[in-house]
Amino acid sequence: MVPFLERGGEYWGPPDDAAEAVDCLRRLRGEGAAWLVVAWPAFWWLDQYGGFDRHLRTNCSRLMECPHGVVFESR
């Protein structure tokens, strides 16, 4: 498991904007990450960073979504 956003494997806090979140996701994909899990306490990210949410729903497969979380798989 790798924290999102991370630097050197350590959680680095929320992104400044959706573009930074997408860039981090792309970098992690390049390093082999295959899934992104958004647990319910972090659902606010999907509202706060609408461009990131749109990127996930457009470019990743949604494997599971329920009140507890959503799991995306990279394409």
N, C-alpha and C. Protein backbone atom coordinates (compact mmCIF):
# COMPACT_ATOMS: atom_id res chain seq x y z
N MET A 1 0.85 -1.16 0.00
CA MET A 1 0.00 0.00 0.00
C MET A 1 0.90 1.24 0.00
N VAL A 2 0.52 2.20 -0.83
CA VAL A 2 1.26 3.46 -0.94
C VAL A 2 0.29 4.59 -0.62
N PRO A 3 0.64 5.50 0.26
CA PRO A 3 -0.26 6.62 0.55
C PRO A 3 -0.39 7.53 -0.67
N PHE A 4 -1.51 8.20 -0.77
CA PHE A 4 -1.76 9.11 -1.88
C PHE A 4 -2.06 10.47 -1.28
N LEU A 5 -1.46 11.40 -1.61
CA LEU A 5 -0.22 11.81 -2.21
C LEU A 5 0.94 11.42 -1.31
N GLU A 6 2.04 11.10 -1.94
CA GLU A 6 3.19 10.67 -1.17
C GLU A 6 4.47 11.23 -1.76
N ARG A 7 5.45 11.31 -0.92
CA ARG A 7 6.81 11.64 -1.35
C ARG A 7 7.73 10.76 -0.53
N GLY A 8 8.51 9.96 -1.23
CA GLY A 8 9.40 9.04 -0.54
C GLY A 8 8.67 8.00 0.29
N GLY A 9 7.43 7.66 -0.13
CA GLY A 9 6.66 6.66 0.59
C GLY A 9 5.91 7.17 1.80
N GLU A 10 5.98 8.48 2.08
CA GLU A 10 5.31 9.08 3.24
C GLU A 10 4.16 9.97 2.77
N TYR A 11 3.04 9.93 3.49
CA TYR A 11 1.90 10.78 3.16
C TYR A 11 2.32 12.24 3.19
N TRP A 12 1.92 12.99 2.15
CA TRP A 12 2.38 14.36 1.99
C TRP A 12 1.25 15.37 2.12
N GLY A 13 0.05 14.93 2.40
CA GLY A 13 -1.07 15.85 2.55
C GLY A 13 -1.86 16.00 1.27
N PRO A 14 -2.96 16.73 1.34
CA PRO A 14 -3.81 16.88 0.16
C PRO A 14 -3.12 17.71 -0.93
N PRO A 15 -3.54 17.51 -2.18
CA PRO A 15 -2.95 18.26 -3.28
C PRO A 15 -3.40 19.72 -3.27
N ASP A 16 -2.64 20.55 -3.97
CA ASP A 16 -3.04 21.95 -4.12
C ASP A 16 -4.25 22.09 -5.03
N ASP A 17 -4.33 21.19 -6.03
CA ASP A 17 -5.44 21.24 -6.98
C ASP A 17 -5.58 19.89 -7.67
N ALA A 18 -6.60 19.78 -8.52
CA ALA A 18 -6.88 18.52 -9.21
C ALA A 18 -5.72 18.10 -10.10
N ALA A 19 -5.06 19.05 -10.74
CA ALA A 19 -3.95 18.72 -11.63
C ALA A 19 -2.82 18.03 -10.86
N GLU A 20 -2.54 18.49 -9.65
CA GLU A 20 -1.50 17.84 -8.85
C GLU A 20 -1.90 16.42 -8.48
N ALA A 21 -3.18 16.20 -8.17
CA ALA A 21 -3.66 14.86 -7.84
C ALA A 21 -3.54 13.94 -9.05
N VAL A 22 -3.91 14.43 -10.23
CA VAL A 22 -3.80 13.62 -11.46
C VAL A 22 -2.34 13.30 -11.75
N ASP A 23 -1.46 14.28 -11.60
CA ASP A 23 -0.03 14.06 -11.83
C ASP A 23 0.51 12.98 -10.89
N CYS A 24 0.11 13.03 -9.62
CA CYS A 24 0.57 12.02 -8.66
C CYS A 24 0.04 10.65 -9.04
N LEU A 25 -1.21 10.57 -9.46
CA LEU A 25 -1.79 9.30 -9.88
C LEU A 25 -1.01 8.73 -11.07
N ARG A 26 -0.72 9.57 -12.05
CA ARG A 26 0.03 9.12 -13.22
C ARG A 26 1.42 8.61 -12.82
N ARG A 27 2.07 9.33 -11.92
CA ARG A 27 3.40 8.91 -11.47
C ARG A 27 3.33 7.55 -10.77
N LEU A 28 2.35 7.38 -9.89
CA LEU A 28 2.21 6.11 -9.18
C LEU A 28 1.86 4.97 -10.13
N ARG A 29 1.04 5.26 -11.15
CA ARG A 29 0.76 4.23 -12.16
C ARG A 29 2.05 3.80 -12.84
N GLY A 30 2.88 4.79 -13.18
CA GLY A 30 4.16 4.50 -13.81
C GLY A 30 5.08 3.66 -12.93
N GLU A 31 4.87 3.74 -11.62
CA GLU A 31 5.67 2.96 -10.68
C GLU A 31 5.02 1.62 -10.35
N GLY A 32 3.90 1.32 -11.01
CA GLY A 32 3.28 0.01 -10.84
C GLY A 32 1.98 -0.04 -10.06
N ALA A 33 1.50 1.08 -9.53
CA ALA A 33 0.23 1.06 -8.79
C ALA A 33 -0.90 0.73 -9.75
N ALA A 34 -1.74 -0.19 -9.37
CA ALA A 34 -2.82 -0.64 -10.25
C ALA A 34 -4.20 -0.21 -9.77
N TRP A 35 -4.36 0.10 -8.51
CA TRP A 35 -5.65 0.48 -7.95
C TRP A 35 -5.53 1.72 -7.09
N LEU A 36 -6.64 2.43 -6.99
CA LEU A 36 -6.77 3.54 -6.06
C LEU A 36 -8.03 3.30 -5.25
N VAL A 37 -7.89 3.26 -3.95
CA VAL A 37 -9.03 3.07 -3.06
C VAL A 37 -9.30 4.40 -2.35
N VAL A 38 -10.53 4.87 -2.47
CA VAL A 38 -10.95 6.09 -1.77
C VAL A 38 -11.95 5.65 -0.71
N ALA A 39 -11.52 5.65 0.55
CA ALA A 39 -12.40 5.27 1.66
C ALA A 39 -13.31 6.44 2.01
N TRP A 40 -14.45 6.16 2.61
CA TRP A 40 -15.47 7.17 2.86
C TRP A 40 -14.96 8.42 3.56
N PRO A 41 -14.00 8.35 4.50
CA PRO A 41 -13.55 9.60 5.10
C PRO A 41 -12.87 10.55 4.10
N ALA A 42 -12.46 10.03 2.95
CA ALA A 42 -11.80 10.85 1.93
C ALA A 42 -12.72 11.17 0.75
N PHE A 43 -14.00 10.88 0.85
CA PHE A 43 -14.92 11.20 -0.25
C PHE A 43 -14.90 12.69 -0.58
N TRP A 44 -14.57 13.53 0.39
CA TRP A 44 -14.55 14.96 0.14
C TRP A 44 -13.57 15.31 -0.97
N TRP A 45 -12.53 14.49 -1.16
CA TRP A 45 -11.57 14.72 -2.25
C TRP A 45 -12.28 14.76 -3.59
N LEU A 46 -13.23 13.86 -3.79
CA LEU A 46 -13.92 13.75 -5.07
C LEU A 46 -14.78 14.97 -5.35
N ASP A 47 -15.25 15.62 -4.29
CA ASP A 47 -15.99 16.88 -4.44
C ASP A 47 -15.03 18.07 -4.58
N GLN A 48 -14.05 18.12 -3.71
CA GLN A 48 -13.11 19.25 -3.69
C GLN A 48 -12.27 19.32 -4.96
N TYR A 49 -11.88 18.18 -5.48
CA TYR A 49 -11.02 18.10 -6.67
C TYR A 49 -11.82 17.47 -7.81
N GLY A 50 -12.79 18.24 -8.31
CA GLY A 50 -13.70 17.73 -9.34
C GLY A 50 -12.97 17.22 -10.58
N GLY A 51 -11.90 17.89 -10.98
CA GLY A 51 -11.14 17.45 -12.14
C GLY A 51 -10.49 16.09 -11.91
N PHE A 52 -10.09 15.83 -10.68
CA PHE A 52 -9.52 14.53 -10.32
C PHE A 52 -10.59 13.45 -10.39
N ASP A 53 -11.78 13.76 -9.84
CA ASP A 53 -12.90 12.82 -9.90
C ASP A 53 -13.25 12.51 -11.36
N ARG A 54 -13.33 13.53 -12.21
CA ARG A 54 -13.63 13.31 -13.63
C ARG A 54 -12.55 12.46 -14.29
N HIS A 55 -11.30 12.72 -13.95
CA HIS A 55 -10.20 11.93 -14.51
C HIS A 55 -10.34 10.45 -14.11
N LEU A 56 -10.62 10.20 -12.84
CA LEU A 56 -10.79 8.81 -12.38
C LEU A 56 -11.93 8.12 -13.12
N ARG A 57 -13.07 8.78 -13.20
CA ARG A 57 -14.26 8.16 -13.79
C ARG A 57 -14.14 8.01 -15.31
N THR A 58 -13.28 8.81 -15.93
CA THR A 58 -13.09 8.74 -17.38
C THR A 58 -11.97 7.77 -17.77
N ASN A 59 -10.91 7.72 -16.96
CA ASN A 59 -9.70 6.98 -17.34
C ASN A 59 -9.44 5.71 -16.54
N CYS A 60 -10.25 5.42 -15.57
CA CYS A 60 -10.06 4.23 -14.73
C CYS A 60 -11.37 3.44 -14.68
N SER A 61 -11.25 2.16 -14.46
CA SER A 61 -12.44 1.32 -14.27
C SER A 61 -12.84 1.37 -12.81
N ARG A 62 -14.12 1.59 -12.56
CA ARG A 62 -14.64 1.57 -11.19
C ARG A 62 -14.99 0.12 -10.88
N LEU A 63 -14.22 -0.51 -10.00
CA LEU A 63 -14.42 -1.92 -9.67
C LEU A 63 -15.49 -2.12 -8.62
N MET A 64 -15.60 -1.17 -7.69
CA MET A 64 -16.54 -1.30 -6.58
C MET A 64 -16.86 0.09 -6.07
N GLU A 65 -18.12 0.30 -5.73
CA GLU A 65 -18.52 1.55 -5.10
C GLU A 65 -19.64 1.24 -4.13
N CYS A 66 -19.48 1.69 -2.91
CA CYS A 66 -20.49 1.50 -1.88
C CYS A 66 -20.36 2.65 -0.89
N PRO A 67 -21.19 2.73 0.11
CA PRO A 67 -21.10 3.82 1.07
C PRO A 67 -19.76 3.88 1.83
N HIS A 68 -19.02 2.79 1.82
CA HIS A 68 -17.76 2.72 2.56
C HIS A 68 -16.54 3.12 1.75
N GLY A 69 -16.66 3.06 0.42
CA GLY A 69 -15.52 3.42 -0.40
C GLY A 69 -15.74 3.12 -1.86
N VAL A 70 -14.77 3.53 -2.65
CA VAL A 70 -14.79 3.26 -4.08
C VAL A 70 -13.40 2.79 -4.48
N VAL A 71 -13.34 1.80 -5.37
CA VAL A 71 -12.08 1.24 -5.84
C VAL A 71 -12.00 1.46 -7.35
N PHE A 72 -10.92 2.11 -7.78
CA PHE A 72 -10.66 2.35 -9.19
C PHE A 72 -9.46 1.51 -9.62
N GLU A 73 -9.53 0.97 -10.84
CA GLU A 73 -8.41 0.25 -11.43
C GLU A 73 -7.91 1.06 -12.61
N SER A 74 -6.60 1.22 -12.70
CA SER A 74 -6.01 1.94 -13.83
C SER A 74 -6.22 1.15 -15.10
N ARG A 75 -6.40 1.87 -16.19
CA ARG A 75 -6.52 1.21 -17.50
C ARG A 75 -5.18 1.18 -18.16
